[in-house]
N, C-alpha and C. Protein backbone atom coordinates (compact mmCIF):
# COMPACT_ATOMS: atom_id res chain seq x y z
N MET A 1 16.31 -58.71 -11.83
CA MET A 1 14.96 -58.18 -11.89
C MET A 1 14.61 -57.44 -10.61
N ARG A 2 15.01 -58.03 -9.46
CA ARG A 2 14.72 -57.39 -8.19
C ARG A 2 15.45 -56.05 -8.07
N LYS A 3 16.67 -55.99 -8.60
CA LYS A 3 17.43 -54.75 -8.53
C LYS A 3 16.73 -53.65 -9.34
N TRP A 4 16.21 -54.02 -10.51
CA TRP A 4 15.50 -53.04 -11.33
C TRP A 4 14.22 -52.57 -10.64
N LEU A 5 13.50 -53.46 -10.04
CA LEU A 5 12.27 -53.11 -9.33
C LEU A 5 12.58 -52.19 -8.15
N LEU A 6 13.61 -52.55 -7.39
CA LEU A 6 14.02 -51.71 -6.26
C LEU A 6 14.47 -50.34 -6.76
N PHE A 7 15.22 -50.31 -7.86
CA PHE A 7 15.67 -49.05 -8.45
C PHE A 7 14.49 -48.17 -8.85
N LEU A 8 13.47 -48.73 -9.49
CA LEU A 8 12.30 -47.96 -9.91
C LEU A 8 11.50 -47.43 -8.72
N VAL A 9 11.37 -48.23 -7.67
CA VAL A 9 10.66 -47.79 -6.47
C VAL A 9 11.39 -46.62 -5.81
N LEU A 10 12.71 -46.75 -5.68
CA LEU A 10 13.49 -45.68 -5.07
C LEU A 10 13.48 -44.41 -5.93
N LEU A 11 13.54 -44.57 -7.23
CA LEU A 11 13.51 -43.43 -8.13
C LEU A 11 12.18 -42.69 -8.04
N SER A 12 11.08 -43.41 -8.01
CA SER A 12 9.77 -42.76 -7.94
C SER A 12 9.54 -42.11 -6.58
N SER A 13 10.01 -42.72 -5.50
CA SER A 13 9.83 -42.11 -4.18
C SER A 13 10.69 -40.85 -4.05
N GLY A 14 11.84 -40.83 -4.66
CA GLY A 14 12.69 -39.64 -4.63
C GLY A 14 12.06 -38.50 -5.38
N SER A 15 11.45 -38.76 -6.52
CA SER A 15 10.82 -37.68 -7.28
C SER A 15 9.57 -37.18 -6.57
N TYR A 16 8.87 -38.05 -5.85
CA TYR A 16 7.71 -37.61 -5.09
C TYR A 16 8.14 -36.69 -3.95
N ALA A 17 9.24 -37.01 -3.29
CA ALA A 17 9.73 -36.19 -2.19
C ALA A 17 10.11 -34.81 -2.68
N GLN A 18 10.65 -34.70 -3.87
CA GLN A 18 11.00 -33.39 -4.39
C GLN A 18 9.76 -32.55 -4.65
N ASP A 19 8.68 -33.17 -5.14
CA ASP A 19 7.45 -32.43 -5.39
C ASP A 19 6.83 -31.90 -4.11
N SER A 20 6.93 -32.65 -3.02
CA SER A 20 6.27 -32.24 -1.78
C SER A 20 6.98 -31.10 -1.07
N THR A 21 8.20 -30.76 -1.47
CA THR A 21 8.92 -29.68 -0.80
C THR A 21 8.90 -28.39 -1.60
N GLN A 22 8.14 -28.31 -2.66
CA GLN A 22 8.08 -27.08 -3.44
C GLN A 22 7.41 -25.98 -2.62
N VAL A 23 7.90 -24.77 -2.79
CA VAL A 23 7.36 -23.62 -2.07
C VAL A 23 6.01 -23.24 -2.67
N VAL A 24 5.02 -23.03 -1.81
CA VAL A 24 3.70 -22.59 -2.24
C VAL A 24 3.68 -21.07 -2.20
N HIS A 25 3.36 -20.44 -3.33
CA HIS A 25 3.26 -18.98 -3.38
C HIS A 25 1.79 -18.59 -3.29
N TYR A 26 1.43 -17.90 -2.21
CA TYR A 26 0.07 -17.41 -2.05
C TYR A 26 -0.12 -16.07 -2.74
N LEU A 27 0.97 -15.37 -2.98
CA LEU A 27 0.92 -14.03 -3.55
C LEU A 27 0.91 -14.08 -5.07
N ASP A 28 0.21 -13.12 -5.67
CA ASP A 28 0.27 -12.97 -7.12
C ASP A 28 1.63 -12.37 -7.50
N LYS A 29 2.12 -12.72 -8.69
CA LYS A 29 3.44 -12.28 -9.11
C LYS A 29 3.51 -10.76 -9.25
N SER A 30 2.51 -10.16 -9.86
CA SER A 30 2.45 -8.71 -10.01
C SER A 30 1.00 -8.27 -10.09
N VAL A 31 0.65 -7.23 -9.34
CA VAL A 31 -0.72 -6.72 -9.31
C VAL A 31 -0.66 -5.21 -9.56
N TRP A 32 -1.45 -4.75 -10.53
CA TRP A 32 -1.54 -3.31 -10.84
C TRP A 32 -2.88 -2.79 -10.36
N ARG A 33 -2.84 -1.58 -9.76
CA ARG A 33 -4.06 -0.96 -9.26
C ARG A 33 -4.05 0.53 -9.60
N VAL A 34 -5.25 1.11 -9.66
CA VAL A 34 -5.39 2.55 -9.78
C VAL A 34 -6.14 3.03 -8.54
N GLU A 35 -5.67 4.13 -7.98
CA GLU A 35 -6.25 4.70 -6.77
C GLU A 35 -7.20 5.83 -7.18
N PHE A 36 -8.43 5.81 -6.67
CA PHE A 36 -9.43 6.79 -7.08
C PHE A 36 -9.18 8.18 -6.49
N PHE A 37 -8.99 8.28 -5.20
CA PHE A 37 -8.98 9.58 -4.54
C PHE A 37 -7.59 10.15 -4.35
N GLY A 38 -6.57 9.45 -4.78
CA GLY A 38 -5.20 9.95 -4.71
C GLY A 38 -5.01 11.12 -5.65
N PRO A 39 -5.29 11.02 -6.91
CA PRO A 39 -5.32 9.77 -7.68
C PRO A 39 -3.90 9.24 -7.85
N GLY A 40 -3.81 7.95 -8.18
CA GLY A 40 -2.49 7.38 -8.31
C GLY A 40 -2.49 6.00 -8.91
N VAL A 41 -1.28 5.45 -9.06
CA VAL A 41 -1.06 4.12 -9.62
C VAL A 41 -0.22 3.33 -8.63
N ILE A 42 -0.57 2.04 -8.43
CA ILE A 42 0.11 1.17 -7.48
C ILE A 42 0.51 -0.12 -8.19
N ASN A 43 1.75 -0.58 -7.96
CA ASN A 43 2.18 -1.89 -8.42
C ASN A 43 2.70 -2.67 -7.23
N GLU A 44 2.22 -3.91 -7.07
CA GLU A 44 2.68 -4.79 -6.00
C GLU A 44 3.31 -6.02 -6.64
N SER A 45 4.60 -6.25 -6.35
CA SER A 45 5.35 -7.35 -6.96
C SER A 45 5.81 -8.32 -5.88
N ARG A 46 5.64 -9.60 -6.16
CA ARG A 46 6.04 -10.65 -5.22
C ARG A 46 7.56 -10.73 -5.12
N LEU A 47 8.07 -10.80 -3.88
CA LEU A 47 9.49 -11.02 -3.64
C LEU A 47 9.77 -12.41 -3.11
N GLY A 48 8.87 -12.95 -2.31
CA GLY A 48 9.04 -14.25 -1.68
C GLY A 48 7.70 -14.88 -1.40
N LYS A 49 7.70 -15.89 -0.55
CA LYS A 49 6.47 -16.62 -0.24
C LYS A 49 5.40 -15.72 0.37
N ASN A 50 5.77 -14.84 1.29
CA ASN A 50 4.82 -13.97 1.97
C ASN A 50 5.20 -12.49 1.90
N THR A 51 6.13 -12.12 1.02
CA THR A 51 6.58 -10.73 0.97
C THR A 51 6.40 -10.13 -0.41
N THR A 52 6.13 -8.82 -0.42
CA THR A 52 5.97 -8.09 -1.67
C THR A 52 6.69 -6.75 -1.56
N PHE A 53 6.92 -6.13 -2.72
CA PHE A 53 7.38 -4.75 -2.79
C PHE A 53 6.30 -3.95 -3.49
N VAL A 54 5.89 -2.85 -2.86
CA VAL A 54 4.82 -2.01 -3.40
C VAL A 54 5.41 -0.67 -3.81
N SER A 55 5.25 -0.32 -5.09
CA SER A 55 5.67 1.00 -5.56
C SER A 55 4.41 1.79 -5.92
N GLN A 56 4.45 3.08 -5.63
CA GLN A 56 3.25 3.89 -5.79
C GLN A 56 3.62 5.30 -6.25
N PHE A 57 2.82 5.84 -7.17
CA PHE A 57 2.90 7.25 -7.56
C PHE A 57 1.50 7.81 -7.44
N ARG A 58 1.39 8.93 -6.72
CA ARG A 58 0.07 9.54 -6.56
C ARG A 58 0.22 11.03 -6.31
N PHE A 59 -0.93 11.71 -6.31
CA PHE A 59 -0.99 13.12 -5.98
C PHE A 59 -1.69 13.26 -4.63
N ILE A 60 -1.15 14.13 -3.78
CA ILE A 60 -1.79 14.39 -2.49
C ILE A 60 -2.08 15.88 -2.38
N ALA A 61 -3.11 16.23 -1.63
CA ALA A 61 -3.49 17.63 -1.43
C ALA A 61 -3.37 17.96 0.05
N ASN A 62 -2.97 19.18 0.31
CA ASN A 62 -2.85 19.68 1.68
C ASN A 62 -3.43 21.08 1.70
N GLY A 63 -4.18 21.41 2.73
CA GLY A 63 -4.81 22.72 2.73
C GLY A 63 -5.01 23.29 4.11
N ALA A 64 -5.47 24.55 4.11
CA ALA A 64 -5.79 25.26 5.35
C ALA A 64 -7.00 26.14 5.09
N TYR A 65 -7.81 26.32 6.12
CA TYR A 65 -9.00 27.17 6.03
C TYR A 65 -9.14 27.93 7.34
N GLU A 66 -9.48 29.18 7.24
CA GLU A 66 -9.62 30.02 8.43
C GLU A 66 -10.79 30.97 8.22
N LYS A 67 -11.65 31.08 9.24
CA LYS A 67 -12.79 31.99 9.16
C LYS A 67 -12.78 32.88 10.40
N ASN A 68 -12.83 34.19 10.18
CA ASN A 68 -12.83 35.16 11.27
C ASN A 68 -14.16 35.89 11.28
N SER A 69 -14.74 36.03 12.44
CA SER A 69 -15.97 36.80 12.62
C SER A 69 -15.67 37.98 13.51
N SER A 70 -16.17 39.12 13.13
CA SER A 70 -15.97 40.31 13.96
C SER A 70 -17.29 40.70 14.62
N ILE A 71 -17.19 41.49 15.66
CA ILE A 71 -18.39 41.91 16.40
C ILE A 71 -19.29 42.76 15.52
N GLY A 72 -18.75 43.49 14.62
CA GLY A 72 -19.54 44.35 13.74
C GLY A 72 -20.31 43.60 12.68
N GLY A 73 -20.23 42.29 12.65
CA GLY A 73 -21.00 41.49 11.70
C GLY A 73 -20.24 41.08 10.45
N GLY A 74 -19.01 41.46 10.33
CA GLY A 74 -18.25 41.10 9.15
C GLY A 74 -17.62 39.72 9.28
N ASN A 75 -17.70 38.94 8.23
CA ASN A 75 -17.06 37.62 8.20
C ASN A 75 -15.98 37.62 7.14
N GLU A 76 -14.85 37.11 7.49
CA GLU A 76 -13.76 37.00 6.54
C GLU A 76 -13.24 35.57 6.55
N SER A 77 -13.11 34.96 5.39
CA SER A 77 -12.56 33.61 5.32
C SER A 77 -11.37 33.60 4.38
N ARG A 78 -10.40 32.76 4.73
CA ARG A 78 -9.20 32.60 3.93
C ARG A 78 -8.96 31.11 3.74
N SER A 79 -8.38 30.75 2.60
CA SER A 79 -8.08 29.34 2.35
C SER A 79 -6.82 29.21 1.52
N ALA A 80 -6.24 28.03 1.58
CA ALA A 80 -5.04 27.74 0.80
C ALA A 80 -4.99 26.24 0.53
N ILE A 81 -4.56 25.88 -0.68
CA ILE A 81 -4.45 24.47 -1.07
C ILE A 81 -3.15 24.28 -1.84
N LYS A 82 -2.47 23.16 -1.57
CA LYS A 82 -1.29 22.76 -2.33
C LYS A 82 -1.47 21.31 -2.78
N VAL A 83 -1.06 21.01 -4.01
CA VAL A 83 -1.11 19.65 -4.55
C VAL A 83 0.32 19.21 -4.85
N TYR A 84 0.67 18.03 -4.33
CA TYR A 84 2.02 17.49 -4.44
C TYR A 84 2.02 16.14 -5.14
N PRO A 85 3.00 15.86 -6.01
CA PRO A 85 3.23 14.48 -6.45
C PRO A 85 4.01 13.73 -5.36
N GLN A 86 3.72 12.44 -5.21
CA GLN A 86 4.38 11.65 -4.16
C GLN A 86 4.78 10.28 -4.70
N LEU A 87 6.00 9.87 -4.40
CA LEU A 87 6.52 8.54 -4.74
C LEU A 87 6.71 7.76 -3.45
N SER A 88 6.40 6.47 -3.48
CA SER A 88 6.65 5.65 -2.28
C SER A 88 7.02 4.23 -2.68
N GLY A 89 7.76 3.61 -1.80
CA GLY A 89 8.12 2.20 -1.93
C GLY A 89 7.96 1.55 -0.57
N ALA A 90 7.43 0.33 -0.56
CA ALA A 90 7.18 -0.34 0.73
C ALA A 90 7.43 -1.83 0.59
N GLY A 91 7.97 -2.41 1.64
CA GLY A 91 8.09 -3.86 1.75
C GLY A 91 6.99 -4.35 2.67
N ARG A 92 6.26 -5.36 2.23
CA ARG A 92 5.15 -5.91 3.03
C ARG A 92 5.39 -7.37 3.35
N TYR A 93 5.01 -7.75 4.57
CA TYR A 93 5.03 -9.15 4.99
C TYR A 93 3.60 -9.54 5.36
N TYR A 94 3.01 -10.47 4.59
CA TYR A 94 1.64 -10.94 4.85
C TYR A 94 1.71 -12.11 5.82
N TYR A 95 0.87 -12.08 6.85
CA TYR A 95 0.97 -13.09 7.91
C TYR A 95 -0.27 -13.96 8.08
N ASN A 96 -1.32 -13.79 7.29
CA ASN A 96 -2.52 -14.57 7.57
C ASN A 96 -3.15 -15.27 6.37
N PHE A 97 -2.38 -15.59 5.34
CA PHE A 97 -2.96 -16.25 4.17
C PHE A 97 -3.50 -17.64 4.49
N VAL A 98 -2.73 -18.43 5.23
CA VAL A 98 -3.16 -19.80 5.54
C VAL A 98 -4.45 -19.78 6.35
N ARG A 99 -4.52 -18.91 7.34
CA ARG A 99 -5.73 -18.81 8.16
C ARG A 99 -6.94 -18.36 7.34
N ARG A 100 -6.73 -17.42 6.42
CA ARG A 100 -7.84 -16.97 5.56
C ARG A 100 -8.34 -18.12 4.68
N LEU A 101 -7.41 -18.91 4.13
CA LEU A 101 -7.81 -20.04 3.30
C LEU A 101 -8.54 -21.09 4.12
N GLU A 102 -8.07 -21.37 5.35
CA GLU A 102 -8.74 -22.35 6.21
C GLU A 102 -10.17 -21.93 6.54
N ARG A 103 -10.41 -20.64 6.63
CA ARG A 103 -11.75 -20.13 6.94
C ARG A 103 -12.60 -19.92 5.69
N GLY A 104 -12.06 -20.27 4.53
CA GLY A 104 -12.81 -20.15 3.29
C GLY A 104 -12.87 -18.74 2.73
N LYS A 105 -11.96 -17.88 3.14
CA LYS A 105 -11.94 -16.50 2.66
C LYS A 105 -10.97 -16.37 1.50
N SER A 106 -11.17 -15.34 0.71
CA SER A 106 -10.37 -15.13 -0.50
C SER A 106 -9.02 -14.48 -0.18
N ILE A 107 -8.00 -14.90 -0.92
CA ILE A 107 -6.70 -14.22 -0.89
C ILE A 107 -6.38 -13.67 -2.29
N ARG A 108 -7.41 -13.52 -3.10
CA ARG A 108 -7.27 -13.07 -4.48
C ARG A 108 -6.61 -11.69 -4.53
N TYR A 109 -5.67 -11.52 -5.42
CA TYR A 109 -4.91 -10.28 -5.59
C TYR A 109 -4.31 -9.80 -4.26
N ASN A 110 -3.78 -10.74 -3.49
CA ASN A 110 -3.06 -10.46 -2.24
C ASN A 110 -3.97 -9.86 -1.17
N SER A 111 -5.18 -10.36 -1.05
CA SER A 111 -6.09 -9.91 0.01
C SER A 111 -5.66 -10.54 1.32
N GLY A 112 -5.20 -9.71 2.24
CA GLY A 112 -4.75 -10.21 3.53
C GLY A 112 -4.25 -9.10 4.43
N ASN A 113 -3.82 -9.48 5.62
CA ASN A 113 -3.26 -8.53 6.60
C ASN A 113 -1.74 -8.56 6.49
N TYR A 114 -1.10 -7.43 6.80
CA TYR A 114 0.35 -7.35 6.64
C TYR A 114 0.95 -6.34 7.61
N ILE A 115 2.26 -6.43 7.77
CA ILE A 115 3.05 -5.38 8.40
C ILE A 115 4.00 -4.86 7.33
N SER A 116 4.35 -3.58 7.43
CA SER A 116 5.05 -2.95 6.32
C SER A 116 6.01 -1.87 6.81
N THR A 117 7.05 -1.64 6.03
CA THR A 117 7.93 -0.48 6.18
C THR A 117 7.83 0.30 4.89
N LYS A 118 7.52 1.59 5.00
CA LYS A 118 7.26 2.42 3.82
C LYS A 118 8.18 3.64 3.82
N LEU A 119 8.73 3.94 2.64
CA LEU A 119 9.54 5.14 2.42
C LEU A 119 8.78 6.02 1.43
N LEU A 120 8.49 7.27 1.82
CA LEU A 120 7.76 8.20 0.96
C LEU A 120 8.63 9.40 0.64
N TYR A 121 8.53 9.88 -0.59
CA TYR A 121 9.18 11.13 -0.97
C TYR A 121 8.13 12.01 -1.62
N THR A 122 7.86 13.15 -0.99
CA THR A 122 6.89 14.10 -1.52
C THR A 122 7.66 15.21 -2.22
N LEU A 123 7.41 15.37 -3.52
CA LEU A 123 8.09 16.35 -4.35
C LEU A 123 7.50 17.74 -4.11
N PRO A 124 8.13 18.81 -4.66
CA PRO A 124 7.59 20.16 -4.49
C PRO A 124 6.18 20.28 -5.07
N ALA A 125 5.40 21.19 -4.50
CA ALA A 125 4.01 21.39 -4.92
C ALA A 125 3.95 21.81 -6.39
N ILE A 126 2.98 21.25 -7.12
CA ILE A 126 2.80 21.62 -8.52
C ILE A 126 1.62 22.58 -8.69
N ILE A 127 0.74 22.65 -7.69
CA ILE A 127 -0.38 23.58 -7.70
C ILE A 127 -0.45 24.24 -6.33
N GLU A 128 -0.53 25.58 -6.33
CA GLU A 128 -0.67 26.33 -5.08
C GLU A 128 -1.71 27.42 -5.28
N THR A 129 -2.71 27.46 -4.42
CA THR A 129 -3.69 28.54 -4.44
C THR A 129 -3.83 29.07 -3.02
N SER A 130 -4.07 30.39 -2.93
CA SER A 130 -4.18 31.01 -1.62
C SER A 130 -5.09 32.22 -1.73
N SER A 131 -5.91 32.43 -0.70
CA SER A 131 -6.72 33.64 -0.63
C SER A 131 -6.49 34.30 0.72
N GLY A 132 -6.34 35.61 0.71
CA GLY A 132 -6.16 36.35 1.95
C GLY A 132 -4.81 36.15 2.60
N GLY A 133 -3.81 35.66 1.88
CA GLY A 133 -2.47 35.51 2.42
C GLY A 133 -2.25 34.29 3.29
N LEU A 134 -3.22 33.41 3.43
CA LEU A 134 -3.05 32.19 4.22
C LEU A 134 -2.20 31.19 3.44
N GLN A 135 -1.31 30.50 4.12
CA GLN A 135 -0.46 29.50 3.48
C GLN A 135 -0.79 28.10 4.00
N ALA A 136 -0.86 27.13 3.09
CA ALA A 136 -1.05 25.73 3.48
C ALA A 136 0.28 25.19 4.00
N PRO A 137 0.25 24.30 4.99
CA PRO A 137 1.50 23.71 5.49
C PRO A 137 2.26 22.99 4.37
N ASP A 138 3.57 23.07 4.44
CA ASP A 138 4.42 22.42 3.44
C ASP A 138 4.72 20.99 3.88
N VAL A 139 4.47 20.02 3.01
CA VAL A 139 4.74 18.61 3.33
C VAL A 139 5.77 17.99 2.39
N GLN A 140 6.54 18.84 1.70
CA GLN A 140 7.59 18.32 0.83
C GLN A 140 8.71 17.74 1.68
N GLY A 141 9.14 16.52 1.35
CA GLY A 141 10.23 15.90 2.08
C GLY A 141 10.13 14.39 2.09
N VAL A 142 10.85 13.78 3.03
CA VAL A 142 10.95 12.33 3.13
C VAL A 142 10.31 11.86 4.43
N SER A 143 9.69 10.70 4.36
CA SER A 143 9.09 10.09 5.55
C SER A 143 9.35 8.58 5.52
N VAL A 144 9.65 8.01 6.69
CA VAL A 144 9.82 6.57 6.84
C VAL A 144 8.79 6.12 7.87
N GLN A 145 8.03 5.07 7.53
CA GLN A 145 6.91 4.67 8.38
C GLN A 145 6.89 3.16 8.61
N ALA A 146 6.48 2.77 9.81
CA ALA A 146 6.22 1.37 10.15
C ALA A 146 4.70 1.25 10.27
N LEU A 147 4.11 0.32 9.49
CA LEU A 147 2.65 0.26 9.38
C LEU A 147 2.12 -1.15 9.56
N TRP A 148 0.89 -1.23 10.06
CA TRP A 148 0.07 -2.45 10.02
C TRP A 148 -1.04 -2.13 9.04
N GLY A 149 -1.42 -3.11 8.23
CA GLY A 149 -2.48 -2.83 7.27
C GLY A 149 -3.22 -4.07 6.84
N PHE A 150 -4.34 -3.82 6.17
CA PHE A 150 -5.05 -4.91 5.50
C PHE A 150 -5.56 -4.39 4.18
N GLN A 151 -5.58 -5.30 3.20
CA GLN A 151 -6.13 -4.95 1.90
C GLN A 151 -7.03 -6.07 1.43
N ARG A 152 -8.05 -5.68 0.71
CA ARG A 152 -9.01 -6.63 0.15
C ARG A 152 -9.33 -6.22 -1.28
N THR A 153 -9.49 -7.21 -2.13
CA THR A 153 -10.02 -6.99 -3.47
C THR A 153 -11.33 -7.74 -3.54
N TYR A 154 -12.41 -7.01 -3.74
CA TYR A 154 -13.75 -7.58 -3.73
C TYR A 154 -14.21 -7.87 -5.15
N ARG A 155 -15.46 -8.25 -5.28
CA ARG A 155 -16.02 -8.54 -6.61
C ARG A 155 -15.86 -7.33 -7.51
N ARG A 156 -15.77 -7.63 -8.77
CA ARG A 156 -15.57 -6.61 -9.81
C ARG A 156 -14.29 -5.81 -9.58
N ASN A 157 -13.34 -6.43 -8.85
CA ASN A 157 -11.99 -5.88 -8.66
C ASN A 157 -11.94 -4.57 -7.89
N PHE A 158 -12.96 -4.27 -7.10
CA PHE A 158 -12.97 -3.11 -6.21
C PHE A 158 -11.93 -3.34 -5.12
N TYR A 159 -11.07 -2.36 -4.89
CA TYR A 159 -9.92 -2.49 -4.00
C TYR A 159 -10.06 -1.58 -2.79
N LEU A 160 -9.73 -2.11 -1.59
CA LEU A 160 -9.76 -1.34 -0.35
C LEU A 160 -8.49 -1.64 0.43
N ASN A 161 -7.87 -0.60 0.97
CA ASN A 161 -6.65 -0.77 1.77
C ASN A 161 -6.68 0.22 2.93
N LEU A 162 -6.32 -0.25 4.12
CA LEU A 162 -6.21 0.59 5.31
C LEU A 162 -4.85 0.33 5.94
N GLU A 163 -4.11 1.41 6.24
CA GLU A 163 -2.80 1.31 6.88
C GLU A 163 -2.75 2.26 8.08
N LEU A 164 -2.22 1.77 9.21
CA LEU A 164 -2.07 2.56 10.43
C LEU A 164 -0.69 2.32 11.01
N GLY A 165 -0.06 3.37 11.55
CA GLY A 165 1.25 3.17 12.15
C GLY A 165 1.91 4.46 12.60
N LEU A 166 3.22 4.42 12.71
CA LEU A 166 4.04 5.56 13.13
C LEU A 166 5.07 5.87 12.06
N GLY A 167 5.45 7.16 12.00
CA GLY A 167 6.44 7.55 11.02
C GLY A 167 7.34 8.67 11.50
N VAL A 168 8.47 8.81 10.83
CA VAL A 168 9.42 9.88 11.07
C VAL A 168 9.54 10.65 9.77
N ASN A 169 9.44 12.01 9.83
CA ASN A 169 9.50 12.80 8.60
C ASN A 169 10.49 13.94 8.73
N THR A 170 10.82 14.54 7.58
CA THR A 170 11.79 15.64 7.54
C THR A 170 11.12 16.99 7.34
N TYR A 171 9.81 17.06 7.19
CA TYR A 171 9.15 18.31 6.83
C TYR A 171 8.36 18.94 7.98
N SER A 172 8.43 18.42 9.16
CA SER A 172 7.64 18.94 10.27
C SER A 172 8.54 19.31 11.44
N SER A 173 8.06 20.24 12.28
CA SER A 173 8.83 20.60 13.47
C SER A 173 8.80 19.47 14.50
N GLU A 174 7.79 18.61 14.42
CA GLU A 174 7.71 17.41 15.24
C GLU A 174 7.88 16.20 14.32
N PRO A 175 9.09 15.68 14.20
CA PRO A 175 9.35 14.65 13.19
C PRO A 175 8.66 13.30 13.42
N LEU A 176 8.32 12.97 14.67
CA LEU A 176 7.66 11.69 14.95
C LEU A 176 6.16 11.90 15.02
N GLY A 177 5.41 11.08 14.29
CA GLY A 177 3.95 11.24 14.30
C GLY A 177 3.24 10.01 13.80
N GLY A 178 1.94 10.05 13.89
CA GLY A 178 1.11 8.95 13.42
C GLY A 178 0.98 8.97 11.90
N ALA A 179 0.63 7.83 11.36
CA ALA A 179 0.42 7.70 9.92
C ALA A 179 -0.83 6.86 9.70
N ALA A 180 -1.71 7.32 8.82
CA ALA A 180 -2.94 6.59 8.50
C ALA A 180 -3.28 6.82 7.03
N TYR A 181 -3.63 5.75 6.34
CA TYR A 181 -4.00 5.82 4.93
C TYR A 181 -5.24 4.96 4.70
N PHE A 182 -6.17 5.49 3.93
CA PHE A 182 -7.34 4.74 3.50
C PHE A 182 -7.42 4.89 2.00
N THR A 183 -7.37 3.79 1.29
CA THR A 183 -7.31 3.81 -0.17
C THR A 183 -8.46 3.01 -0.77
N LEU A 184 -9.13 3.61 -1.73
CA LEU A 184 -10.14 2.92 -2.55
C LEU A 184 -9.65 2.96 -3.98
N GLY A 185 -9.85 1.86 -4.70
CA GLY A 185 -9.38 1.83 -6.07
C GLY A 185 -9.89 0.63 -6.84
N TYR A 186 -9.23 0.38 -7.95
CA TYR A 186 -9.60 -0.71 -8.86
C TYR A 186 -8.35 -1.54 -9.13
N THR A 187 -8.49 -2.87 -9.04
CA THR A 187 -7.40 -3.80 -9.35
C THR A 187 -7.58 -4.30 -10.78
N PHE A 188 -6.57 -4.14 -11.60
CA PHE A 188 -6.65 -4.62 -12.98
C PHE A 188 -6.56 -6.14 -12.99
N PRO A 189 -7.45 -6.81 -13.72
CA PRO A 189 -7.41 -8.28 -13.78
C PRO A 189 -6.11 -8.78 -14.40
N LYS A 190 -5.72 -10.00 -13.98
CA LYS A 190 -4.52 -10.63 -14.55
C LYS A 190 -4.80 -11.03 -16.00
N ARG A 191 -3.76 -10.91 -16.81
CA ARG A 191 -3.87 -11.39 -18.19
C ARG A 191 -3.73 -12.89 -18.20
N SER A 192 -4.52 -13.54 -19.00
CA SER A 192 -4.47 -15.01 -19.08
C SER A 192 -3.33 -15.48 -19.94
């Protein structure tokens, strides 16, 4: 009888120990968003406890404007705009979920601060307009960026993301430069 009792105690303590070592996932498995001013579509998929992969397709615009005034009173203005499709993939590491939870803040839909490495590919322009012979700078090419960022999903699934960092690109005469992104959008609710 004592052997059976000891066996049951050891068996139950062993199963309890296994439960206490399970990995806690703070990140949602998959989050879909739409970007308002890109416009574009974003998917963020969980890779690990604090890491995600973000894939994005959006449209970006680039332009130039020039206004010349002459002494005789004549004004001449020229402008040019190009619209490009852009694909990107990024790995993110979130570092402050536990602290946000301890302070009573939300981590809903991966709301938190992160560091990231992003690879962007900007395809050839699909729309080009020009007046007066002015040309908009060409941004077709590849860029690799190291970024710090934060994202929040607020009530009614309103989404905000800010990213700042440095990048190297293939489309500029000065390949090293700053990178900054501000995104507003909508996060689609999870299906139950």
